Protein backbone atom coordinates (compact mmCIF):
# COMPACT_ATOMS: atom_id res chain seq x y z
CA UNK A 1 -104.69 23.40 -152.22
CA UNK A 2 -101.52 24.37 -150.44
CA UNK A 3 -101.13 24.50 -146.68
CA UNK A 4 -97.78 25.57 -145.26
CA UNK A 5 -96.85 24.45 -141.78
CA UNK A 6 -93.79 25.83 -139.97
CA UNK A 7 -92.59 27.65 -143.08
CA UNK A 8 -89.84 29.44 -141.15
CA UNK A 9 -87.33 26.70 -141.96
CA UNK A 10 -85.25 26.65 -145.13
CA UNK A 11 -86.68 24.90 -148.21
CA UNK A 12 -83.93 22.29 -147.96
CA UNK A 13 -85.43 21.13 -144.66
CA UNK A 14 -89.01 21.16 -145.92
CA UNK A 15 -90.95 18.01 -146.82
CA UNK A 16 -93.48 18.06 -149.64
CA UNK A 17 -96.69 16.11 -148.95
CA UNK A 18 -98.76 15.23 -152.01
CA UNK A 19 -102.32 14.07 -151.36
CA UNK A 20 -104.05 11.83 -153.90
CA UNK A 21 -107.01 10.45 -151.94
CA UNK A 22 -107.41 6.74 -151.26
CA UNK A 23 -108.91 5.15 -148.17
CA UNK A 24 -106.87 7.64 -146.13
CA UNK A 25 -109.30 10.43 -146.99
CA UNK A 26 -112.63 8.65 -147.43
CA UNK A 27 -115.78 9.60 -145.52
CA UNK A 28 -118.82 7.43 -144.89
CA UNK A 29 -122.29 8.47 -146.03
CA UNK A 30 -124.55 6.88 -143.40
CA UNK A 31 -127.71 7.50 -145.40
CA UNK A 32 -126.45 6.25 -148.76
CA UNK A 33 -124.15 3.63 -147.22
CA UNK A 34 -121.20 4.55 -149.40
CA UNK A 35 -117.69 5.90 -149.08
CA UNK A 36 -116.88 9.25 -150.69
CA UNK A 37 -114.32 12.06 -150.72
CA UNK A 38 -114.82 15.49 -149.22
CA UNK A 39 -111.64 17.15 -147.92
CA UNK A 40 -108.32 15.64 -146.99
CA UNK A 41 -107.84 14.61 -143.38
CA UNK A 42 -104.06 15.07 -143.55
CA UNK A 43 -103.99 18.56 -141.94
CA UNK A 44 -106.12 17.29 -139.03
CA UNK A 45 -103.94 14.20 -138.66
CA UNK A 46 -100.82 16.35 -138.51
CA UNK A 47 -102.38 18.56 -135.83
CA UNK A 48 -103.42 15.51 -133.77
CA UNK A 49 -99.95 14.05 -134.15
CA UNK A 50 -98.46 17.36 -132.97
CA UNK A 51 -96.28 17.41 -136.08
CA UNK A 52 -93.56 20.07 -135.90
CA UNK A 53 -92.06 19.44 -139.33
CA UNK A 54 -91.75 22.07 -142.03
CA UNK A 55 -94.25 20.82 -144.62
CA UNK A 56 -95.60 21.97 -147.96
CA UNK A 57 -98.92 20.18 -148.46
CA UNK A 58 -100.63 19.97 -151.83
CA UNK A 59 -103.80 18.11 -152.77
CA UNK A 60 -103.37 16.78 -156.30
CA UNK A 61 -106.56 14.73 -156.55
CA UNK A 62 -109.03 12.81 -154.43
CA UNK A 63 -109.44 9.43 -156.13
CA UNK A 64 -109.71 5.80 -155.15
CA UNK A 65 -106.53 4.15 -156.38
CA UNK A 66 -108.58 1.58 -158.31
CA UNK A 67 -109.82 4.51 -160.39
CA UNK A 68 -106.40 6.15 -160.76
CA UNK A 69 -105.38 6.56 -164.39
CA UNK A 70 -102.03 6.81 -166.15
CA UNK A 71 -102.78 10.53 -166.52
CA UNK A 72 -103.22 10.79 -162.72
CA UNK A 73 -99.89 9.04 -162.20
CA UNK A 74 -98.29 11.44 -164.66
CA UNK A 75 -99.51 14.34 -162.48
CA UNK A 76 -97.86 12.74 -159.45
CA UNK A 77 -94.61 12.20 -161.36
CA UNK A 78 -94.65 15.80 -162.65
CA UNK A 79 -95.24 17.17 -159.15
CA UNK A 80 -92.38 15.11 -157.72
CA UNK A 81 -90.03 16.22 -160.48
CA UNK A 82 -91.03 19.89 -160.10
CA UNK A 83 -90.82 19.86 -156.30
CA UNK A 84 -87.89 21.85 -154.92
CA UNK A 85 -87.96 19.59 -151.86
CA UNK A 86 -85.76 16.48 -151.87
CA UNK A 87 -88.11 14.65 -149.48
CA UNK A 88 -91.65 13.86 -150.63
CA UNK A 89 -94.48 11.89 -149.00
CA UNK A 90 -97.39 10.80 -151.21
CA UNK A 91 -100.67 9.68 -149.65
CA UNK A 92 -102.22 7.07 -151.92
CA UNK A 93 -104.84 4.34 -152.00
CA UNK A 94 -103.42 0.93 -151.20
CA UNK A 95 -104.94 -1.05 -154.07
CA UNK A 96 -102.52 0.32 -156.69
CA UNK A 97 -99.89 1.98 -154.51
CA UNK A 98 -97.14 -0.33 -155.73
CA UNK A 99 -97.99 0.53 -159.36
CA UNK A 100 -97.54 4.24 -158.72
CA UNK A 101 -94.40 3.58 -156.69
CA UNK A 102 -92.83 1.72 -159.63
CA UNK A 103 -93.77 4.50 -162.08
CA UNK A 104 -92.18 7.05 -159.75
CA UNK A 105 -89.05 4.91 -159.30
CA UNK A 106 -88.57 4.78 -163.07
CA UNK A 107 -88.81 8.54 -163.50
CA UNK A 108 -87.88 10.37 -160.28
CA UNK A 109 -84.23 10.44 -159.24
CA UNK A 110 -82.24 12.45 -156.72
CA UNK A 111 -85.09 12.53 -154.19
CA UNK A 112 -86.55 10.39 -151.44
CA UNK A 113 -90.22 9.62 -152.10
CA UNK A 114 -92.34 7.62 -149.65
CA UNK A 115 -95.88 6.51 -150.50
CA UNK A 116 -98.26 5.62 -147.71
CA UNK A 117 -101.95 5.04 -147.15
CA UNK A 118 -104.47 3.33 -144.93
CA UNK A 119 -106.47 0.13 -144.95
CA UNK A 120 -109.24 1.76 -142.87
CA UNK A 121 -110.51 5.32 -143.44
CA UNK A 122 -109.18 7.85 -140.92
CA UNK A 123 -112.70 8.99 -140.01
CA UNK A 124 -113.57 5.48 -138.79
CA UNK A 125 -111.46 6.12 -135.68
CA UNK A 126 -109.61 2.81 -135.82
CA UNK A 127 -107.55 3.70 -138.88
CA UNK A 128 -103.93 2.80 -139.40
CA UNK A 129 -103.59 6.07 -141.33
CA UNK A 130 -102.20 8.24 -138.53
CA UNK A 131 -99.50 5.68 -137.72
CA UNK A 132 -98.64 5.21 -141.39
CA UNK A 133 -98.43 8.95 -142.03
CA UNK A 134 -96.10 9.42 -139.05
CA UNK A 135 -93.95 6.52 -140.20
CA UNK A 136 -93.73 7.91 -143.73
CA UNK A 137 -92.69 11.34 -142.44
CA UNK A 138 -89.95 9.79 -140.31
CA UNK A 139 -88.77 7.45 -143.08
CA UNK A 140 -88.60 10.16 -145.75
CA UNK A 141 -86.08 11.98 -143.54
CA UNK A 142 -83.87 8.94 -142.95
CA UNK A 143 -83.96 6.69 -146.04
CA UNK A 144 -81.50 7.20 -148.90
CA UNK A 145 -82.71 8.62 -152.20
CA UNK A 146 -85.21 6.34 -153.90
CA UNK A 147 -88.91 5.51 -153.92
CA UNK A 148 -90.49 3.47 -151.13
CA UNK A 149 -93.83 2.24 -149.81
CA UNK A 150 -94.35 2.64 -146.04
CA UNK A 151 -97.16 0.70 -144.38
CA UNK A 152 -97.67 -0.74 -140.90
CA UNK A 153 -94.27 0.27 -139.55
CA UNK A 154 -92.36 -1.28 -142.46
CA UNK A 155 -90.92 0.11 -145.66
CA UNK A 156 -90.26 -1.48 -149.01
CA UNK A 157 -88.31 -0.32 -152.07
CA UNK A 158 -90.70 0.40 -154.95
CA UNK A 159 -89.11 -2.29 -157.10
CA UNK A 160 -89.73 -5.00 -154.51
CA UNK A 161 -93.17 -4.52 -152.98
CA UNK A 162 -96.62 -5.95 -153.42
CA UNK A 163 -99.90 -5.85 -151.55
CA UNK A 164 -100.85 -9.35 -150.45
CA UNK A 165 -104.56 -9.48 -151.30
CA UNK A 166 -105.15 -12.46 -148.98
CA UNK A 167 -103.65 -10.90 -145.84
CA UNK A 168 -104.18 -7.23 -146.68
CA UNK A 169 -100.57 -6.34 -145.86
CA UNK A 170 -97.64 -5.13 -147.90
CA UNK A 171 -94.63 -7.39 -148.25
CA UNK A 172 -91.47 -7.87 -150.25
CA UNK A 173 -92.41 -9.20 -153.66
CA UNK A 174 -90.25 -12.34 -153.35
CA UNK A 175 -92.32 -13.36 -150.30
CA UNK A 176 -95.10 -14.23 -152.71
CA UNK A 177 -93.05 -17.02 -154.26
CA UNK A 178 -92.32 -18.75 -150.96
C-alpha cells in the first residue's frame, strides 16, 4: 500500500515511512478478547497530528515483532536500500525493535533511519504512538545519517539501545550494567 501526502515537494525533501505492524497498529477484538491487525493507523495519526510533511508511506507487513523473522527483516533492509529518500521512519513492534535496528545499522548507510513504535495500541486512546511517531518524524529530519530508535521523546543509536523489560522503556545499553 502506498499513500502519498503532499507530493508536490521534491523527492529529496520527502520522508519514506515503512509500516511493519507492532502494537502501533493493533486492534482489540472485544468478543474474542485478543489483539489483531486490520489496517495501519498511521494515515489517521498523521491527519490527527496535522502533519504537513511530504511523505511516501508503504505498508510492508503487519506483524507482531515477536513473530518477525529474518526474512521480514530482510524485506525492511531491502526497502531502505531501495528507497530514493534519505530519511526513513520505520514503525515497528517494541519487543524486537533493537534487533531490527542493529540489522539495519549493519547494512544501510548514507541514510537516516528512525524506528519507532508504541507500548499501547493507538486504538486504545491512551497510546504513546502518536507522540512517538511525531518524534520520529522530527528526529529523522535532524539527526545525522545512521540508524536510531526513537521512543518516549528520546533517541538511541541502534548500536547502543535496549528495551528494559522490567521498566518497559528503552535505554542506552550500558545503563543495564549499572
